[in-house]
Amino acid sequence: MDKFFLSGCNLSISSDSLNIEAPSRFAAYALRRHASELAISAKKLKRKRATVSWPGCDRPYRIPTSILRSHNTMTGPQAQNETYFLGADYLRVTDFIREKREEGRIVVVTSMWNDVCLHTNDLLSPDRGILQPHQWTGFNYRYLWRDSRDDYNQLIDTLMQDRYVPQYQYRLRRPDGTFALYETDYYLVEDYLNVPVRIGVSKVDAWQLLPEPSMS
């Protein structure tokens, strides 16, 4: 297993389990795809299973060492989707980002580990996002989803399943406190400079301000 998959994880051992707390739901999902290796690690420690959890989860993934005998299918290869960057290298992703910029689209690259923005282009204007484009690099988007967690969770769940989410509509709390609706095409890339990321591609005018949600 590549070391970056365990980056930011907390490890502990209980009487019968190797316990891994991942930094996010997506990180836990990525770890589960390496179930055989986790089961091997648990077996070496003479434990019955490995468990993978994440902040706020109610039901951790449980990976029994018995899968080493049954060859559980959850570690099998994933089918390739034409819109999914399966095995894409850095140059291919960079070309895609450049091509979308030439088409006049906003492109934002965000870490799936911690929701930190790794790249945005110059078309993300302050009208849409309040900040200047260069100010987004290093910004944690998770804070902007604080009043629309359902939208965030649905996006992550769909990306994990389909790896491409076209014209996804979602709400964000902007840096100045206003609420807005956006529409973005999302692509999942499992390894962009050793980090799994989502690439958001948006039309410049695909957004609108929203009234404050009613308190219920």
Protein backbone atom coordinates (compact mmCIF):
# COMPACT_ATOMS: atom_id res chain seq x y z
CA MET A 1 0.00 0.00 0.00
CA ASP A 2 1.35 3.44 -0.91
CA LYS A 3 2.35 5.43 2.16
CA PHE A 4 0.19 8.40 1.20
CA PHE A 5 -2.95 6.31 1.82
CA LEU A 6 -2.09 6.32 5.55
CA SER A 7 -1.18 10.00 5.63
CA GLY A 8 -3.10 11.75 8.40
CA CYS A 9 -4.52 8.50 9.82
CA ASN A 10 -4.50 7.60 13.51
CA LEU A 11 -3.65 3.97 14.28
CA SER A 12 -4.49 2.03 17.43
CA ILE A 13 -4.79 -1.58 18.52
CA SER A 14 -7.56 -3.11 20.63
CA SER A 15 -7.89 -6.65 21.93
CA ASP A 16 -9.11 -8.02 18.59
CA SER A 17 -8.75 -5.20 16.03
CA LEU A 18 -6.27 -3.01 14.21
CA ASN A 19 -8.08 0.34 14.21
CA ILE A 20 -7.45 3.04 11.62
CA GLU A 21 -9.12 6.44 11.87
CA ALA A 22 -8.92 8.16 8.48
CA PRO A 23 -9.05 11.97 8.19
CA SER A 24 -12.15 11.95 5.98
CA ARG A 25 -14.87 9.73 4.57
CA PHE A 26 -13.18 9.54 1.19
CA ALA A 27 -9.85 8.60 2.79
CA ALA A 28 -11.61 5.74 4.58
CA TYR A 29 -13.15 4.60 1.30
CA ALA A 30 -9.75 4.66 -0.39
CA LEU A 31 -8.28 2.58 2.43
CA ARG A 32 -11.07 0.03 2.14
CA ARG A 33 -10.03 -0.62 -1.44
CA HIS A 34 -6.78 -1.97 0.05
CA ALA A 35 -8.69 -4.40 2.26
CA SER A 36 -6.36 -7.35 1.68
CA GLU A 37 -3.32 -5.38 2.80
CA LEU A 38 -5.15 -4.14 5.89
CA ALA A 39 -6.23 -7.69 6.70
CA ILE A 40 -2.62 -8.86 6.33
CA SER A 41 -1.47 -6.15 8.75
CA ALA A 42 -4.14 -7.16 11.26
CA LYS A 43 -3.16 -10.82 10.95
CA LYS A 44 0.51 -10.03 11.54
CA LEU A 45 -0.53 -8.29 14.75
CA LYS A 46 -2.57 -11.40 15.69
CA ARG A 47 -5.85 -9.49 15.51
CA LYS A 48 -9.13 -10.75 14.01
CA ARG A 49 -9.91 -7.74 11.89
CA ALA A 50 -9.03 -4.23 10.78
CA THR A 51 -11.53 -1.42 11.23
CA VAL A 52 -11.53 1.84 9.28
CA SER A 53 -13.41 4.86 10.62
CA TRP A 54 -13.52 8.61 9.97
CA PRO A 55 -14.66 11.66 11.97
CA GLY A 56 -18.38 11.48 12.66
CA CYS A 57 -18.93 7.95 11.30
CA ASP A 58 -21.41 5.64 13.03
CA ARG A 59 -20.48 2.38 11.31
CA PRO A 60 -16.76 1.82 10.64
CA TYR A 61 -15.69 -0.49 7.84
CA ARG A 62 -14.88 -3.91 9.30
CA ILE A 63 -12.34 -6.00 7.41
CA PRO A 64 -11.98 -9.52 8.89
CA THR A 65 -8.75 -11.43 8.31
CA SER A 66 -10.90 -14.24 6.90
CA ILE A 67 -11.05 -12.36 3.58
CA LEU A 68 -7.49 -13.56 2.97
CA ARG A 69 -8.98 -17.03 2.45
CA SER A 70 -12.07 -15.99 0.53
CA HIS A 71 -10.48 -13.31 -1.75
CA ASN A 72 -13.22 -10.80 -1.05
CA THR A 73 -14.31 -8.98 -4.21
CA MET A 74 -14.13 -5.50 -2.73
CA THR A 75 -10.44 -5.37 -3.66
CA GLY A 76 -11.10 -6.27 -7.27
CA PRO A 77 -10.30 -3.96 -10.17
CA GLN A 78 -12.67 -1.11 -10.92
CA ALA A 79 -14.26 -0.67 -14.32
CA GLN A 80 -13.01 2.30 -16.29
CA ASN A 81 -15.40 5.11 -17.11
CA GLU A 82 -14.66 7.34 -20.09
CA THR A 83 -14.99 10.45 -17.94
CA TYR A 84 -12.84 9.10 -15.12
CA PHE A 85 -9.09 9.71 -14.95
CA LEU A 86 -8.21 6.10 -14.14
CA GLY A 87 -4.43 5.86 -14.03
CA ALA A 88 -4.08 9.39 -15.34
CA ASP A 89 -0.62 10.88 -14.94
CA TYR A 90 0.20 14.44 -13.96
CA LEU A 91 0.67 15.61 -17.56
CA ARG A 92 -2.72 14.30 -18.67
CA VAL A 93 -4.48 16.05 -15.80
CA THR A 94 -2.53 19.26 -16.47
CA ASP A 95 -3.55 19.14 -20.14
CA PHE A 96 -7.19 18.73 -19.11
CA ILE A 97 -6.96 21.76 -16.80
CA ARG A 98 -5.42 23.85 -19.59
CA GLU A 99 -7.99 22.73 -22.15
CA LYS A 100 -10.89 23.66 -19.88
CA ARG A 101 -9.33 27.08 -19.28
CA GLU A 102 -9.10 27.59 -23.04
CA GLU A 103 -12.82 26.75 -23.25
CA GLY A 104 -13.50 29.59 -20.80
CA ARG A 105 -14.29 27.35 -17.82
CA ILE A 106 -13.35 27.82 -14.19
CA VAL A 107 -11.25 24.90 -12.93
CA VAL A 108 -10.73 24.16 -9.25
CA VAL A 109 -8.67 21.23 -7.92
CA THR A 110 -9.50 20.22 -4.35
CA SER A 111 -7.93 17.54 -2.14
CA MET A 112 -10.28 14.71 -1.24
CA TRP A 113 -8.32 14.12 1.96
CA ASN A 114 -9.02 17.46 3.62
CA ASP A 115 -10.97 19.66 1.13
CA VAL A 116 -8.07 22.11 0.73
CA CYS A 117 -7.92 23.92 -2.62
CA LEU A 118 -4.76 22.99 -4.54
CA HIS A 119 -5.35 25.01 -7.72
CA THR A 120 -7.77 27.42 -9.32
CA ASN A 121 -7.49 29.43 -12.49
CA ASP A 122 -7.89 33.14 -13.10
CA LEU A 123 -11.55 32.86 -14.21
CA LEU A 124 -12.82 32.42 -10.65
CA SER A 125 -13.68 36.09 -10.17
CA PRO A 126 -14.49 37.84 -6.88
CA ASP A 127 -18.07 38.29 -8.15
CA ARG A 128 -18.53 34.53 -7.92
CA GLY A 129 -16.26 33.66 -5.03
CA ILE A 130 -15.49 36.94 -3.17
CA LEU A 131 -11.75 36.14 -2.96
CA GLN A 132 -9.15 36.83 -5.64
CA PRO A 133 -8.20 33.68 -7.58
CA HIS A 134 -4.75 33.32 -6.00
CA GLN A 135 -6.28 33.52 -2.52
CA TRP A 136 -8.11 30.23 -2.99
CA THR A 137 -4.94 28.12 -3.07
CA GLY A 138 -4.59 26.60 0.39
CA PHE A 139 -8.15 27.59 1.38
CA ASN A 140 -10.16 24.88 3.14
CA TYR A 141 -13.46 24.48 1.30
CA ARG A 142 -14.93 22.37 4.09
CA TYR A 143 -15.71 25.54 6.01
CA LEU A 144 -17.91 26.78 3.15
CA TRP A 145 -20.03 23.60 3.24
CA ARG A 146 -20.97 24.11 6.91
CA ASP A 147 -24.60 25.02 6.13
CA SER A 148 -25.03 22.53 3.27
CA ARG A 149 -23.55 19.27 4.55
CA ASP A 150 -26.23 17.23 2.77
CA ASP A 151 -25.07 18.67 -0.56
CA TYR A 152 -21.45 17.85 0.33
CA ASN A 153 -22.18 14.28 1.45
CA GLN A 154 -24.22 13.58 -1.68
CA LEU A 155 -21.38 14.87 -3.86
CA ILE A 156 -18.77 12.70 -2.14
CA ASP A 157 -21.00 9.60 -2.21
CA THR A 158 -21.76 10.04 -5.91
CA LEU A 159 -18.13 10.71 -6.80
CA MET A 160 -17.04 7.56 -4.98
CA GLN A 161 -19.59 5.54 -6.90
CA ASP A 162 -19.59 7.12 -10.37
CA ARG A 163 -16.29 9.08 -10.40
CA TYR A 164 -17.95 11.77 -12.55
CA VAL A 165 -20.84 14.03 -11.53
CA PRO A 166 -22.10 16.34 -14.31
CA GLN A 167 -23.92 19.61 -13.62
CA TYR A 168 -24.01 19.10 -9.87
CA GLN A 169 -25.97 21.85 -8.12
CA TYR A 170 -24.98 22.68 -4.56
CA ARG A 171 -25.06 25.48 -2.01
CA LEU A 172 -22.08 27.15 -0.34
CA ARG A 173 -21.67 29.73 2.36
CA ARG A 174 -19.33 32.23 0.68
CA PRO A 175 -16.35 33.78 2.53
CA ASP A 176 -18.32 36.99 3.15
CA GLY A 177 -21.18 35.05 4.76
CA THR A 178 -23.64 35.20 1.85
CA PHE A 179 -25.32 32.02 0.57
CA ALA A 180 -25.14 30.98 -3.09
CA LEU A 181 -26.12 28.20 -5.48
CA TYR A 182 -23.50 26.83 -7.90
CA GLU A 183 -23.37 24.30 -10.74
CA THR A 184 -20.20 22.32 -11.45
CA ASP A 185 -19.02 19.21 -13.31
CA TYR A 186 -16.91 17.11 -10.92
CA TYR A 187 -14.24 14.59 -11.89
CA LEU A 188 -12.44 12.23 -9.53
CA VAL A 189 -8.67 11.76 -9.90
CA GLU A 190 -7.18 9.20 -7.53
CA ASP A 191 -3.58 10.36 -7.78
CA TYR A 192 -2.68 13.96 -8.55
CA LEU A 193 0.82 14.52 -7.15
CA ASN A 194 0.17 11.66 -4.68
CA VAL A 195 -3.16 13.13 -3.53
CA PRO A 196 -6.69 12.02 -4.51
CA VAL A 197 -8.56 15.07 -5.77
CA ARG A 198 -11.81 16.23 -7.30
CA ILE A 199 -11.62 18.58 -10.25
CA GLY A 200 -14.50 21.02 -10.52
CA VAL A 201 -15.23 22.56 -13.93
CA SER A 202 -17.78 25.39 -14.03
CA LYS A 203 -19.21 27.95 -16.40
CA VAL A 204 -18.32 31.45 -15.25
CA ASP A 205 -21.96 32.50 -14.82
CA ALA A 206 -23.30 29.23 -13.37
CA TRP A 207 -24.18 30.60 -9.94
CA GLN A 208 -26.72 32.80 -8.15
CA LEU A 209 -27.20 34.33 -4.72
CA LEU A 210 -29.75 32.68 -2.44
CA PRO A 211 -31.86 34.02 0.40
CA GLU A 212 -30.96 32.88 3.87
CA PRO A 213 -32.39 29.41 4.62
CA SER A 214 -35.32 29.52 6.99
CA MET A 215 -34.70 28.36 10.53
CA SER A 216 -36.81 25.33 11.40
